[in-house]
Amino acid sequence: MANFSFDIVSDYDKAEMNNVFDQVQRELQNRYDFKGTPAAVEWLNSDKTGFKLTGNGDWQIDAILDIIRKKLAARNQSQKVLDTSAEMTTSNLKTTQEVPFRQGLDQEKAKKVTSLIRDKFPKVKTQIQGQEVRVTSTSKDDLQAVMQALRAQDFDFPLEFTNYR
């Protein structure tokens, strides 16, 4: 009997993030309410693992975050990839906030995912493998049901399905 499987990872598409970054920069340059203000978005570091937002105040940072969320939604990317837990810092009449991208499933998150799958689908086997969870079954229908259940569940981190076999 054939075994089918897929992996569950928490990751983001780097190319799509580049596109979102470019679109947000263009919109900041063109919007009238941002003219003559320090409103800007930059990469957090050379690895492009987040955004650094700059604005006049927290209201402008919130407006920039709103633009980023709209661009992510337009490109079918999860907004849960943005880690907005960092505090805003104000100095020299500028407010900045660092927004790193969430990536990888730690043990706690992986256990949440596997326990949900085990509770709802007893025939499906799960295995935590570092930063990903492997889901195995003899039925493709069971695997598709697992994907539907995970999409319906509201986790505070993004989930993607890869490595279909």
C-alpha atoms as a PDB file:
ATOM      1  CA  MET A   1       0.000   0.000   0.000  1.00  0.00           C
ATOM      2  CA  ALA A   2       1.395   3.391  -0.984  1.00  0.00           C
ATOM      3  CA  ASN A   3       2.129   6.052   1.598  1.00  0.00           C
ATOM      4  CA  PHE A   4       1.512   9.691   0.747  1.00  0.00           C
ATOM      5  CA  SER A   5       2.973  12.634   2.633  1.00  0.00           C
ATOM      6  CA  PHE A   6       3.564  16.365   2.747  1.00  0.00           C
ATOM      7  CA  ASP A   7       5.457  18.772   4.995  1.00  0.00           C
ATOM      8  CA  ILE A   8       4.074  21.674   6.997  1.00  0.00           C
ATOM      9  CA  VAL A   9       6.446  24.635   7.286  1.00  0.00           C
ATOM     10  CA  SER A  10       6.177  28.218   8.505  1.00  0.00           C
ATOM     11  CA  ASP A  11       7.939  30.297   5.882  1.00  0.00           C
ATOM     12  CA  TYR A  12       7.457  33.189   3.486  1.00  0.00           C
ATOM     13  CA  ASP A  13       8.135  33.703  -0.212  1.00  0.00           C
ATOM     14  CA  LYS A  14      11.209  35.941  -0.527  1.00  0.00           C
ATOM     15  CA  ALA A  15      10.386  36.984  -4.093  1.00  0.00           C
ATOM     16  CA  GLU A  16       6.897  38.069  -3.064  1.00  0.00           C
ATOM     17  CA  MET A  17       8.355  40.041  -0.144  1.00  0.00           C
ATOM     18  CA  ASN A  18      10.644  41.839  -2.616  1.00  0.00           C
ATOM     19  CA  ASN A  19       7.578  42.713  -4.698  1.00  0.00           C
ATOM     20  CA  VAL A  20       5.671  43.934  -1.628  1.00  0.00           C
ATOM     21  CA  PHE A  21       8.669  46.066  -0.603  1.00  0.00           C
ATOM     22  CA  ASP A  22       8.876  47.687  -4.049  1.00  0.00           C
ATOM     23  CA  GLN A  23       5.133  48.362  -4.188  1.00  0.00           C
ATOM     24  CA  VAL A  24       5.090  49.907  -0.704  1.00  0.00           C
ATOM     25  CA  GLN A  25       8.045  52.159  -1.558  1.00  0.00           C
ATOM     26  CA  ARG A  26       6.297  53.324  -4.724  1.00  0.00           C
ATOM     27  CA  GLU A  27       3.064  54.047  -2.876  1.00  0.00           C
ATOM     28  CA  LEU A  28       4.899  56.003  -0.149  1.00  0.00           C
ATOM     29  CA  GLN A  29       6.517  58.178  -2.816  1.00  0.00           C
ATOM     30  CA  ASN A  30       3.223  58.842  -4.597  1.00  0.00           C
ATOM     31  CA  ARG A  31       0.792  59.394  -1.718  1.00  0.00           C
ATOM     32  CA  TYR A  32       0.025  63.000  -0.932  1.00  0.00           C
ATOM     33  CA  ASP A  33      -0.223  62.520   2.849  1.00  0.00           C
ATOM     34  CA  PHE A  34       3.370  61.196   2.965  1.00  0.00           C
ATOM     35  CA  LYS A  35       4.948  64.048   0.932  1.00  0.00           C
ATOM     36  CA  GLY A  36       7.581  65.953   2.912  1.00  0.00           C
ATOM     37  CA  THR A  37       7.580  63.478   5.802  1.00  0.00           C
ATOM     38  CA  PRO A  38      10.249  60.980   6.817  1.00  0.00           C
ATOM     39  CA  ALA A  39       7.893  58.094   5.929  1.00  0.00           C
ATOM     40  CA  ALA A  40       9.991  55.234   4.557  1.00  0.00           C
ATOM     41  CA  VAL A  41      10.338  51.485   4.497  1.00  0.00           C
ATOM     42  CA  GLU A  42      13.758  49.795   4.412  1.00  0.00           C
ATOM     43  CA  TRP A  43      15.076  46.276   4.701  1.00  0.00           C
ATOM     44  CA  LEU A  44      15.906  45.299   8.274  1.00  0.00           C
ATOM     45  CA  ASN A  45      19.283  43.862   7.226  1.00  0.00           C
ATOM     46  CA  SER A  46      21.152  42.651   4.166  1.00  0.00           C
ATOM     47  CA  ASP A  47      19.458  39.215   4.404  1.00  0.00           C
ATOM     48  CA  LYS A  48      16.039  40.855   3.910  1.00  0.00           C
ATOM     49  CA  THR A  49      14.480  39.192   6.956  1.00  0.00           C
ATOM     50  CA  GLY A  50      12.191  42.085   7.842  1.00  0.00           C
ATOM     51  CA  PHE A  51      11.180  45.704   7.322  1.00  0.00           C
ATOM     52  CA  LYS A  52      12.308  48.819   9.152  1.00  0.00           C
ATOM     53  CA  LEU A  53       9.527  51.407   9.115  1.00  0.00           C
ATOM     54  CA  THR A  54      10.156  55.129   9.662  1.00  0.00           C
ATOM     55  CA  GLY A  55       7.539  57.838  10.084  1.00  0.00           C
ATOM     56  CA  ASN A  56       6.505  61.055  11.851  1.00  0.00           C
ATOM     57  CA  GLY A  57       4.655  59.239  14.605  1.00  0.00           C
ATOM     58  CA  ASP A  58       2.968  56.004  15.529  1.00  0.00           C
ATOM     59  CA  TRP A  59      -0.051  56.951  13.373  1.00  0.00           C
ATOM     60  CA  GLN A  60       2.198  57.072  10.300  1.00  0.00           C
ATOM     61  CA  ILE A  61       3.847  53.744  11.184  1.00  0.00           C
ATOM     62  CA  ASP A  62       0.349  52.234  11.490  1.00  0.00           C
ATOM     63  CA  ALA A  63      -0.555  53.668   8.079  1.00  0.00           C
ATOM     64  CA  ILE A  64       2.585  52.145   6.516  1.00  0.00           C
ATOM     65  CA  LEU A  65       1.801  48.786   8.163  1.00  0.00           C
ATOM     66  CA  ASP A  66      -1.712  49.006   6.727  1.00  0.00           C
ATOM     67  CA  ILE A  67      -0.255  49.534   3.240  1.00  0.00           C
ATOM     68  CA  ILE A  68       2.073  46.530   3.731  1.00  0.00           C
ATOM     69  CA  ARG A  69      -0.856  44.345   4.831  1.00  0.00           C
ATOM     70  CA  LYS A  70      -2.908  45.370   1.780  1.00  0.00           C
ATOM     71  CA  LYS A  71      -0.005  44.585  -0.564  1.00  0.00           C
ATOM     72  CA  LEU A  72       0.513  41.193   1.124  1.00  0.00           C
ATOM     73  CA  ALA A  73      -3.185  40.381   0.713  1.00  0.00           C
ATOM     74  CA  ALA A  74      -3.118  41.426  -2.935  1.00  0.00           C
ATOM     75  CA  ARG A  75      -0.239  38.983  -3.508  1.00  0.00           C
ATOM     76  CA  ASN A  76      -1.941  36.101  -1.594  1.00  0.00           C
ATOM     77  CA  GLN A  77       0.616  36.166   1.230  1.00  0.00           C
ATOM     78  CA  SER A  78      -0.216  35.691   4.895  1.00  0.00           C
ATOM     79  CA  GLN A  79      -0.104  38.797   7.082  1.00  0.00           C
ATOM     80  CA  LYS A  80       0.871  36.560   9.995  1.00  0.00           C
ATOM     81  CA  VAL A  81       4.432  36.616   8.678  1.00  0.00           C
ATOM     82  CA  LEU A  82       4.813  40.142  10.132  1.00  0.00           C
ATOM     83  CA  ASP A  83       6.040  40.200  13.746  1.00  0.00           C
ATOM     84  CA  THR A  84       4.770  43.582  14.975  1.00  0.00           C
ATOM     85  CA  SER A  85       5.514  42.890  18.649  1.00  0.00           C
ATOM     86  CA  ALA A  86       8.587  45.176  18.715  1.00  0.00           C
ATOM     87  CA  GLU A  87       8.098  48.568  20.361  1.00  0.00           C
ATOM     88  CA  MET A  88       8.167  51.783  18.359  1.00  0.00           C
ATOM     89  CA  THR A  89      11.099  54.054  19.204  1.00  0.00           C
ATOM     90  CA  THR A  90      10.970  57.832  18.861  1.00  0.00           C
ATOM     91  CA  SER A  91      14.026  60.043  18.507  1.00  0.00           C
ATOM     92  CA  ASN A  92      14.720  63.313  16.661  1.00  0.00           C
ATOM     93  CA  LEU A  93      11.026  63.664  15.758  1.00  0.00           C
ATOM     94  CA  LYS A  94      11.108  60.321  13.901  1.00  0.00           C
ATOM     95  CA  THR A  95       9.420  57.127  14.952  1.00  0.00           C
ATOM     96  CA  THR A  96      10.843  53.784  13.837  1.00  0.00           C
ATOM     97  CA  GLN A  97       9.671  50.223  14.206  1.00  0.00           C
ATOM     98  CA  GLU A  98      11.402  47.010  13.223  1.00  0.00           C
ATOM     99  CA  VAL A  99       9.109  44.348  11.796  1.00  0.00           C
ATOM    100  CA  PRO A 100      10.971  41.042  11.345  1.00  0.00           C
ATOM    101  CA  PHE A 101       9.394  38.173   9.407  1.00  0.00           C
ATOM    102  CA  ARG A 102       8.297  35.059  11.299  1.00  0.00           C
ATOM    103  CA  GLN A 103       9.966  31.964   9.971  1.00  0.00           C
ATOM    104  CA  GLY A 104      10.250  28.390  11.148  1.00  0.00           C
ATOM    105  CA  LEU A 105       8.168  26.175  13.422  1.00  0.00           C
ATOM    106  CA  ASP A 106       9.624  25.915  16.919  1.00  0.00           C
ATOM    107  CA  GLN A 107       8.805  22.905  19.123  1.00  0.00           C
ATOM    108  CA  GLU A 108       5.799  24.567  20.779  1.00  0.00           C
ATOM    109  CA  LYS A 109       4.157  25.534  17.479  1.00  0.00           C
ATOM    110  CA  ALA A 110       4.901  22.127  15.951  1.00  0.00           C
ATOM    111  CA  LYS A 111       3.292  20.414  18.949  1.00  0.00           C
ATOM    112  CA  LYS A 112       0.141  22.550  18.537  1.00  0.00           C
ATOM    113  CA  VAL A 113      -0.111  21.479  14.887  1.00  0.00           C
ATOM    114  CA  THR A 114       0.540  17.779  15.554  1.00  0.00           C
ATOM    115  CA  SER A 115      -1.884  17.588  18.487  1.00  0.00           C
ATOM    116  CA  LEU A 116      -4.651  19.155  16.376  1.00  0.00           C
ATOM    117  CA  ILE A 117      -4.015  16.627  13.591  1.00  0.00           C
ATOM    118  CA  ARG A 118      -3.920  13.669  16.009  1.00  0.00           C
ATOM    119  CA  ASP A 119      -7.186  14.736  17.680  1.00  0.00           C
ATOM    120  CA  LYS A 120      -9.148  15.132  14.433  1.00  0.00           C
ATOM    121  CA  PHE A 121      -7.466  12.480  12.251  1.00  0.00           C
ATOM    122  CA  PRO A 122      -6.352   9.402  14.207  1.00  0.00           C
ATOM    123  CA  LYS A 123      -5.324   7.477  11.047  1.00  0.00           C
ATOM    124  CA  VAL A 124      -2.841  10.165   9.977  1.00  0.00           C
ATOM    125  CA  LYS A 125       0.721  10.002  11.294  1.00  0.00           C
ATOM    126  CA  THR A 126       2.702  13.148  12.168  1.00  0.00           C
ATOM    127  CA  GLN A 127       6.389  13.553  12.799  1.00  0.00           C
ATOM    128  CA  ILE A 128       8.255  16.683  13.940  1.00  0.00           C
ATOM    129  CA  GLN A 129      11.460  17.052  11.927  1.00  0.00           C
ATOM    130  CA  GLY A 130      13.353  20.123  13.107  1.00  0.00           C
ATOM    131  CA  GLN A 131      11.563  23.190  11.698  1.00  0.00           C
ATOM    132  CA  GLU A 132       8.860  21.229   9.867  1.00  0.00           C
ATOM    133  CA  VAL A 133       6.161  18.645  10.466  1.00  0.00           C
ATOM    134  CA  ARG A 134       5.829  15.618   8.158  1.00  0.00           C
ATOM    135  CA  VAL A 135       2.288  14.297   7.726  1.00  0.00           C
ATOM    136  CA  THR A 136       1.877  10.761   6.351  1.00  0.00           C
ATOM    137  CA  SER A 137      -1.165   8.691   5.406  1.00  0.00           C
ATOM    138  CA  THR A 138      -2.239   5.903   3.077  1.00  0.00           C
ATOM    139  CA  SER A 139      -5.091   8.061   1.758  1.00  0.00           C
ATOM    140  CA  LYS A 140      -4.702  11.277  -0.237  1.00  0.00           C
ATOM    141  CA  ASP A 141      -8.203  12.255   0.862  1.00  0.00           C
ATOM    142  CA  ASP A 142      -7.125  12.198   4.516  1.00  0.00           C
ATOM    143  CA  LEU A 143      -4.170  14.444   3.711  1.00  0.00           C
ATOM    144  CA  GLN A 144      -6.423  16.903   1.893  1.00  0.00           C
ATOM    145  CA  ALA A 145      -8.786  16.923   4.877  1.00  0.00           C
ATOM    146  CA  VAL A 146      -5.819  17.676   7.163  1.00  0.00           C
ATOM    147  CA  MET A 147      -4.863  20.635   4.955  1.00  0.00           C
ATOM    148  CA  GLN A 148      -8.431  21.960   5.032  1.00  0.00           C
ATOM    149  CA  ALA A 149      -8.580  21.637   8.829  1.00  0.00           C
ATOM    150  CA  LEU A 150      -5.256  23.451   9.263  1.00  0.00           C
ATOM    151  CA  ARG A 151      -6.323  26.264   6.920  1.00  0.00           C
ATOM    152  CA  ALA A 152      -9.567  26.657   8.893  1.00  0.00           C
ATOM    153  CA  GLN A 153      -7.682  26.770  12.207  1.00  0.00           C
ATOM    154  CA  ASP A 154      -6.531  30.288  13.170  1.00  0.00           C
ATOM    155  CA  PHE A 155      -2.904  29.938  14.240  1.00  0.00           C
ATOM    156  CA  ASP A 156      -0.854  33.053  15.055  1.00  0.00           C
ATOM    157  CA  PHE A 157       1.840  31.958  12.584  1.00  0.00           C
ATOM    158  CA  PRO A 158       1.731  31.289   8.828  1.00  0.00           C
ATOM    159  CA  LEU A 159       1.561  27.700   7.551  1.00  0.00           C
ATOM    160  CA  GLU A 160       2.579  26.404   4.132  1.00  0.00           C
ATOM    161  CA  PHE A 161       2.385  22.916   2.677  1.00  0.00           C
ATOM    162  CA  THR A 162       5.383  21.609   0.724  1.00  0.00           C
ATOM    163  CA  ASN A 163       7.099  18.450  -0.458  1.00  0.00           C
ATOM    164  CA  TYR A 164       4.027  16.546  -1.651  1.00  0.00           C
ATOM    165  CA  ARG A 165       4.720  12.836  -2.239  1.00  0.00           C
END
